[in-house]
Amino acid sequence: MNTQSLLRRSVLVLGIAGLLAGGAYAQSTDPTPQQQDILSDKKDIRQDKQDLAKDRADRNADQHDVNQDRRALNKDRVDRNKDQRDINKDKLDLRKDDAKYGVNSAQAQADRMDLHTDRVDRNKDQRDINKDRRDLTADRKDRNQDQRDINKDKRDLRRDRKDLRHDRKGR
């Protein structure tokens, strides 16, 4: 009986060891396709969230640039308008000095120099306005593109979350 008992115990121990080994092997195998889909969806969601955060930061920076360009444009317009008023005043002074002192008088020459200087300033301000307009247009374009990217990232995030829910249900 001793041999038979020993043989039964050995078979029982081997059976249990086989079951344990099979269970360990089953756990260590590659994830099922469904589990791989879930992992892939989670990775996609993380990436979409990062993209969304970057696009929002870009959009906010572009909006800041738009605001600065608008202020600069306004300041340049104020300067240009002031220079135009100076030009108008210098033209009036020149006409008065031409009539009072003569065309080649020192006063008339000084008025012509003032007029020239004011025209140079006005033209410089107009070039600044044109540059600021181009900058403002470019910044608005960038901001709008970033907003479109944000909207696309939101759609991607929604789709990835939907895929994740679908994969978790096992369908």
Foldseek 3Di string as FASTA:
>chain_A
DVVVVVVVVVVVVVVVVVVVVVVVVVVPDDDDPLVVLLVVLVVLLVVLVVLLVVLVVQLVVLVVQLVVLVVQLVVLVVQLVVLVVQLVVLVVQLVVCCVVPNCPDPSNVVSVVSNVVSVVSNVVSVVSNVVSVVSNVVSVVSSVVSVVSNVVSVVSNVVSVVSNVVSVVPD
